[in-house]
Amino acid sequence: MNQLKGIIYAAVSSATFGLAPFFSISLLAVGFSSFEVLTYRWGVATVVLLLFGFLAGCNFRLGAKEFMTVFGLSLFRAVTSFSLVIAYQNIASGVASIIHFMYPLAVAVVMIVFCREKKSVVTFTAILLSLIGASLLSSGNIEFSGGDTGVGLVAACISVFSYAGYIIGVRKSCAVHIDSTALTCYVMGLGALFFFLGGMCWEGGIRLETNGITWLYILGLALPATAISNITLVKAIKSAGPTLTSLFGALEPLTAVLIGVFVFKELFTVYSAMGIALIVVSVSLVVFQEKRKRV
């Protein structure tokens, strides 16, 4: 029963994460800048998670060393979100999400190169499959209206490695001992501050939004696609374990692809399906290999 609850939490987490492109693109369409989208997203989500944390009795105290570590992690997480929004502006949202889903492979590569983890045939096979899958995805019409395909692909790739850096940082630093909700609150809060300052410096400020429809987009991005997805992610890991949770992560890009096809009329071809399948298989190989290492 506990594992079943974990599976449900994992499915909810991944599916709600997959809604992020829809709400992000909707806000960009009404004139929001990238900094405004992310300031509202992380700011509102931080308030919600703070309330959740206090009600759950979380310990938010950090020492100086812990705070500096969290500050560094928040930079990685902020780069991830910013680069993904840039990707959404330049290529099909489903393609950007699928490329971002390759982050477990980036984690494996970084661990091999910089942390001297043992090389594995499975890892290199997964990398090859993912590269073939990415090639198939990029071979079709992946442009977003008025976007630059090259910029979009580079931004999506940056999101892969910055998120991998965030995950490795959490695993290999003192952050691993910080309460999950507290850590997420600090990372999101600092991220909101970074984006606010970026908007003030490069966009001339952050608008004070009063339109009701726009606030529905903001709340959709900040609540289901950010706060709820992060809370259910933590619960899924605790109930079902990291392996099953990671496998259900495939629902995130698949949700984004479906929204892109049916809402934004993005092209979906046989090559797209093959590319998605290869990337999902490659990530699954790495996840199962990680499971065997822990046994």
Protein backbone atom coordinates (compact mmCIF):
# COMPACT_ATOMS: atom_id res chain seq x y z
CA MET A 1 0.00 0.00 0.00
CA ASN A 2 2.87 2.38 0.83
CA GLN A 3 4.49 1.69 -2.56
CA LEU A 4 1.16 2.20 -4.33
CA LYS A 5 0.83 5.61 -2.66
CA GLY A 6 4.37 6.38 -3.78
CA ILE A 7 3.55 5.45 -7.39
CA ILE A 8 0.49 7.71 -7.31
CA TYR A 9 2.59 10.57 -5.88
CA ALA A 10 5.25 9.99 -8.57
CA ALA A 11 2.66 10.04 -11.35
CA VAL A 12 1.09 13.25 -10.00
CA SER A 13 4.51 14.87 -9.60
CA SER A 14 5.64 14.08 -13.15
CA ALA A 15 2.33 14.97 -14.79
CA THR A 16 2.13 18.32 -13.01
CA PHE A 17 5.78 19.11 -13.85
CA GLY A 18 4.80 18.55 -17.47
CA LEU A 19 2.30 21.42 -17.27
CA ALA A 20 5.12 23.97 -16.88
CA PRO A 21 5.58 24.59 -20.64
CA PHE A 22 1.87 25.34 -21.11
CA PHE A 23 1.69 27.96 -18.36
CA SER A 24 5.15 29.40 -19.18
CA ILE A 25 4.32 29.84 -22.87
CA SER A 26 0.90 31.29 -21.97
CA LEU A 27 2.58 33.96 -19.81
CA LEU A 28 5.17 34.69 -22.51
CA ALA A 29 2.29 35.08 -25.00
CA VAL A 30 0.67 37.85 -22.91
CA GLY A 31 3.92 39.83 -22.89
CA PHE A 32 5.78 38.55 -19.82
CA SER A 33 9.57 38.49 -20.03
CA SER A 34 11.51 35.37 -19.02
CA PHE A 35 12.50 37.08 -15.76
CA GLU A 36 8.89 37.97 -14.96
CA VAL A 37 7.65 34.44 -15.63
CA LEU A 38 10.25 32.95 -13.29
CA THR A 39 9.99 35.65 -10.60
CA TYR A 40 6.28 34.96 -10.21
CA ARG A 41 6.72 31.19 -10.55
CA TRP A 42 9.38 30.80 -7.87
CA GLY A 43 8.08 33.63 -5.68
CA VAL A 44 4.53 32.30 -5.33
CA ALA A 45 5.77 28.71 -5.01
CA THR A 46 8.17 29.75 -2.22
CA VAL A 47 5.32 31.29 -0.21
CA VAL A 48 3.21 28.14 -0.62
CA LEU A 49 6.06 25.81 0.36
CA LEU A 50 6.96 28.00 3.33
CA LEU A 51 3.41 27.67 4.64
CA PHE A 52 3.53 23.92 4.01
CA GLY A 53 6.89 23.66 5.76
CA PHE A 54 5.79 25.56 8.85
CA LEU A 55 2.61 23.50 9.13
CA ALA A 56 4.68 20.31 8.79
CA GLY A 57 7.12 21.50 11.46
CA CYS A 58 10.17 21.70 9.16
CA ASN A 59 13.45 23.04 10.50
CA PHE A 60 14.54 26.02 8.38
CA ARG A 61 17.72 26.86 10.31
CA LEU A 62 20.96 26.79 8.32
CA GLY A 63 24.57 27.31 9.34
CA ALA A 64 26.91 29.55 7.32
CA LYS A 65 28.45 26.61 5.42
CA GLU A 66 25.02 25.15 4.66
CA PHE A 67 23.74 28.50 3.41
CA MET A 68 26.69 28.94 1.04
CA THR A 69 26.08 25.43 -0.32
CA VAL A 70 22.36 26.16 -0.80
CA PHE A 71 23.25 29.46 -2.48
CA GLY A 72 25.42 27.61 -5.00
CA LEU A 73 22.72 25.00 -5.61
CA SER A 74 20.15 27.74 -6.19
CA LEU A 75 22.35 29.15 -8.97
CA PHE A 76 22.32 25.77 -10.74
CA ARG A 77 18.54 25.51 -10.31
CA ALA A 78 17.99 29.08 -11.52
CA VAL A 79 20.07 28.48 -14.66
CA THR A 80 17.99 25.35 -15.32
CA SER A 81 14.69 27.21 -15.19
CA PHE A 82 15.93 30.22 -17.15
CA SER A 83 17.45 28.11 -19.93
CA LEU A 84 14.24 26.06 -20.21
CA VAL A 85 12.14 29.20 -20.66
CA ILE A 86 14.56 30.37 -23.37
CA ALA A 87 14.18 26.93 -24.99
CA TYR A 88 10.36 27.21 -24.89
CA GLN A 89 10.65 30.54 -26.73
CA ASN A 90 12.72 29.08 -29.55
CA ILE A 91 11.80 25.41 -30.13
CA ALA A 92 8.75 23.20 -29.65
CA SER A 93 7.99 22.86 -25.93
CA GLY A 94 7.69 19.07 -26.17
CA VAL A 95 11.15 18.78 -27.73
CA ALA A 96 12.66 21.06 -25.07
CA SER A 97 11.10 18.94 -22.33
CA ILE A 98 12.30 15.67 -23.87
CA ILE A 99 15.86 17.00 -24.16
CA HIS A 100 15.73 18.19 -20.53
CA PHE A 101 14.59 14.69 -19.52
CA MET A 102 18.11 13.47 -20.46
CA TYR A 103 19.53 14.89 -17.20
CA PRO A 104 20.07 11.43 -15.59
CA LEU A 105 22.52 10.71 -18.42
CA ALA A 106 24.33 13.97 -17.73
CA VAL A 107 24.56 13.01 -14.06
CA ALA A 108 26.11 9.67 -15.02
CA VAL A 109 28.63 11.32 -17.37
CA VAL A 110 29.68 13.96 -14.83
CA MET A 111 30.07 11.31 -12.12
CA ILE A 112 32.32 9.25 -14.41
CA VAL A 113 34.45 12.20 -15.58
CA PHE A 114 34.79 14.24 -12.38
CA CYS A 115 33.97 11.85 -9.54
CA ARG A 116 35.84 8.84 -10.98
CA GLU A 117 32.88 6.50 -10.91
CA LYS A 118 33.42 3.19 -12.69
CA LYS A 119 32.80 3.31 -16.45
CA SER A 120 29.91 1.17 -17.64
CA VAL A 121 28.88 -0.31 -20.99
CA VAL A 122 25.26 0.35 -19.99
CA THR A 123 25.98 4.06 -19.47
CA PHE A 124 27.72 4.46 -22.82
CA THR A 125 24.95 2.50 -24.56
CA ALA A 126 22.38 4.79 -22.96
CA ILE A 127 24.32 7.88 -24.07
CA LEU A 128 24.47 6.58 -27.65
CA LEU A 129 20.73 5.83 -27.67
CA SER A 130 19.93 9.26 -26.25
CA LEU A 131 22.06 11.01 -28.88
CA ILE A 132 20.30 9.08 -31.65
CA GLY A 133 16.95 9.94 -30.06
CA ALA A 134 17.87 13.64 -29.83
CA SER A 135 18.97 13.59 -33.48
CA LEU A 136 15.64 12.11 -34.53
CA LEU A 137 13.79 14.75 -32.53
CA SER A 138 15.78 17.62 -34.01
CA SER A 139 15.47 16.30 -37.58
CA GLY A 140 11.84 17.35 -37.84
CA ASN A 141 10.10 20.71 -37.70
CA ILE A 142 10.85 21.71 -34.12
CA GLU A 143 10.81 25.49 -34.47
CA PHE A 144 8.66 27.67 -32.25
CA SER A 145 6.99 30.55 -34.11
CA GLY A 146 9.56 33.33 -34.47
CA GLY A 147 12.21 31.39 -32.56
CA ASP A 148 15.84 30.50 -33.25
CA THR A 149 16.27 26.71 -33.38
CA GLY A 150 19.99 26.83 -32.56
CA VAL A 151 19.46 29.00 -29.48
CA GLY A 152 16.60 26.76 -28.34
CA LEU A 153 18.62 23.55 -28.64
CA VAL A 154 21.63 25.07 -26.84
CA ALA A 155 19.38 26.38 -24.06
CA ALA A 156 17.72 22.98 -23.63
CA CYS A 157 21.15 21.30 -23.42
CA ILE A 158 22.30 23.85 -20.82
CA SER A 159 19.24 22.95 -18.74
CA VAL A 160 20.29 19.28 -18.84
CA PHE A 161 23.74 19.90 -17.38
CA SER A 162 22.74 22.64 -14.93
CA TYR A 163 20.04 20.37 -13.47
CA ALA A 164 22.56 17.52 -13.35
CA GLY A 165 24.88 19.85 -11.42
CA TYR A 166 22.06 20.61 -9.00
CA ILE A 167 21.32 16.93 -8.40
CA ILE A 168 24.98 16.03 -7.91
CA GLY A 169 25.40 19.01 -5.61
CA VAL A 170 22.53 17.83 -3.45
CA ARG A 171 23.96 14.28 -3.33
CA LYS A 172 27.60 15.21 -2.70
CA SER A 173 27.32 18.20 -0.36
CA CYS A 174 26.02 18.92 3.13
CA ALA A 175 22.66 19.74 1.49
CA VAL A 176 21.85 16.02 1.63
CA HIS A 177 21.26 16.45 5.38
CA ILE A 178 18.92 19.45 5.01
CA ASP A 179 15.17 18.85 5.24
CA SER A 180 13.84 18.44 1.67
CA THR A 181 11.06 21.03 2.03
CA ALA A 182 13.41 23.55 3.64
CA LEU A 183 16.02 23.01 0.94
CA THR A 184 13.43 23.48 -1.82
CA CYS A 185 12.12 26.65 -0.16
CA TYR A 186 15.57 28.19 0.06
CA VAL A 187 16.46 27.24 -3.52
CA MET A 188 13.19 28.65 -4.87
CA GLY A 189 13.34 31.77 -2.69
CA LEU A 190 16.89 32.60 -3.77
CA GLY A 191 15.94 31.82 -7.38
CA ALA A 192 13.01 34.25 -7.19
CA LEU A 193 15.44 36.90 -5.86
CA PHE A 194 17.89 36.24 -8.73
CA PHE A 195 15.12 36.55 -11.34
CA PHE A 196 13.71 39.69 -9.70
CA LEU A 197 17.14 41.35 -9.77
CA GLY A 198 17.63 40.20 -13.37
CA GLY A 199 14.31 41.76 -14.35
CA MET A 200 15.21 45.01 -12.60
CA CYS A 201 18.62 45.19 -14.30
CA TRP A 202 17.84 43.98 -17.84
CA GLU A 203 14.08 44.37 -18.35
CA GLY A 204 13.43 47.66 -16.56
CA GLY A 205 11.51 46.04 -13.71
CA ILE A 206 8.92 43.39 -12.84
CA ARG A 207 5.32 44.35 -13.51
CA LEU A 208 2.73 44.19 -10.76
CA GLU A 209 0.12 42.00 -12.41
CA THR A 210 -3.58 42.72 -11.78
CA ASN A 211 -5.28 40.83 -14.64
CA GLY A 212 -7.33 37.87 -13.38
CA ILE A 213 -6.69 35.57 -16.36
CA THR A 214 -2.95 36.19 -16.17
CA TRP A 215 -3.01 35.35 -12.46
CA LEU A 216 -4.65 32.01 -13.33
CA TYR A 217 -1.63 31.27 -15.53
CA ILE A 218 0.73 32.37 -12.72
CA LEU A 219 -1.04 30.21 -10.14
CA GLY A 220 -1.11 27.27 -12.55
CA LEU A 221 2.65 27.56 -13.04
CA ALA A 222 3.46 28.18 -9.38
CA LEU A 223 1.07 25.70 -7.73
CA PRO A 224 0.56 22.46 -9.72
CA ALA A 225 3.63 22.80 -11.95
CA THR A 226 5.99 23.84 -9.15
CA ALA A 227 4.82 23.60 -5.51
CA ILE A 228 2.57 20.53 -5.77
CA SER A 229 4.98 18.71 -8.09
CA ASN A 230 7.89 19.27 -5.69
CA ILE A 231 5.92 18.21 -2.61
CA THR A 232 4.60 15.03 -4.27
CA LEU A 233 8.12 14.31 -5.60
CA VAL A 234 9.51 14.20 -2.05
CA LYS A 235 6.61 12.00 -0.91
CA ALA A 236 7.11 9.68 -3.90
CA ILE A 237 10.81 9.20 -3.19
CA LYS A 238 10.08 8.40 0.46
CA SER A 239 7.24 5.96 -0.34
CA ALA A 240 8.25 4.28 -3.61
CA GLY A 241 12.00 4.94 -3.73
CA PRO A 242 14.11 6.94 -6.21
CA THR A 243 14.12 4.30 -8.98
CA LEU A 244 10.35 4.04 -9.48
CA THR A 245 10.05 7.80 -9.05
CA SER A 246 12.64 8.38 -11.77
CA LEU A 247 10.89 6.00 -14.15
CA PHE A 248 7.60 7.82 -13.67
CA GLY A 249 9.51 10.99 -14.54
CA ALA A 250 8.86 10.00 -18.17
CA LEU A 251 5.33 11.34 -17.72
CA GLU A 252 6.77 14.86 -17.47
CA PRO A 253 8.02 15.21 -21.06
CA LEU A 254 5.16 13.09 -22.42
CA THR A 255 2.66 15.50 -20.82
CA ALA A 256 4.56 18.41 -22.37
CA VAL A 257 4.56 16.71 -25.78
CA LEU A 258 0.79 16.08 -25.66
CA ILE A 259 0.12 19.69 -24.65
CA GLY A 260 2.43 20.92 -27.40
CA VAL A 261 0.65 18.82 -30.04
CA PHE A 262 -2.96 19.43 -29.00
CA VAL A 263 -2.75 22.98 -27.58
CA PHE A 264 0.11 24.66 -29.45
CA LYS A 265 -0.34 22.59 -32.66
CA GLU A 266 3.30 21.44 -32.64
CA LEU A 267 4.24 18.86 -35.27
CA PHE A 268 4.47 15.23 -34.14
CA THR A 269 5.96 12.71 -36.58
CA VAL A 270 7.14 9.11 -36.62
CA TYR A 271 10.68 10.43 -36.06
CA SER A 272 9.42 12.32 -33.01
CA ALA A 273 7.91 9.14 -31.56
CA MET A 274 11.11 7.17 -32.24
CA GLY A 275 13.26 9.87 -30.69
CA ILE A 276 11.11 10.02 -27.56
CA ALA A 277 11.14 6.23 -27.23
CA LEU A 278 14.95 6.04 -27.50
CA ILE A 279 15.47 8.78 -24.92
CA VAL A 280 13.02 7.18 -22.47
CA VAL A 281 14.77 3.80 -22.92
CA SER A 282 18.23 5.34 -22.45
CA VAL A 283 17.22 7.11 -19.25
CA SER A 284 15.55 3.94 -17.95
CA LEU A 285 18.78 2.00 -18.51
CA VAL A 286 20.72 4.46 -16.37
CA VAL A 287 18.05 4.45 -13.65
CA PHE A 288 18.05 0.63 -13.42
CA GLN A 289 21.84 0.59 -13.34
CA GLU A 290 21.79 3.02 -10.41
CA LYS A 291 19.35 0.69 -8.64
CA ARG A 292 21.72 -2.28 -9.04
CA LYS A 293 24.61 -0.24 -7.64
CA ARG A 294 22.64 0.41 -4.46
CA VAL A 295 21.62 -3.24 -3.95
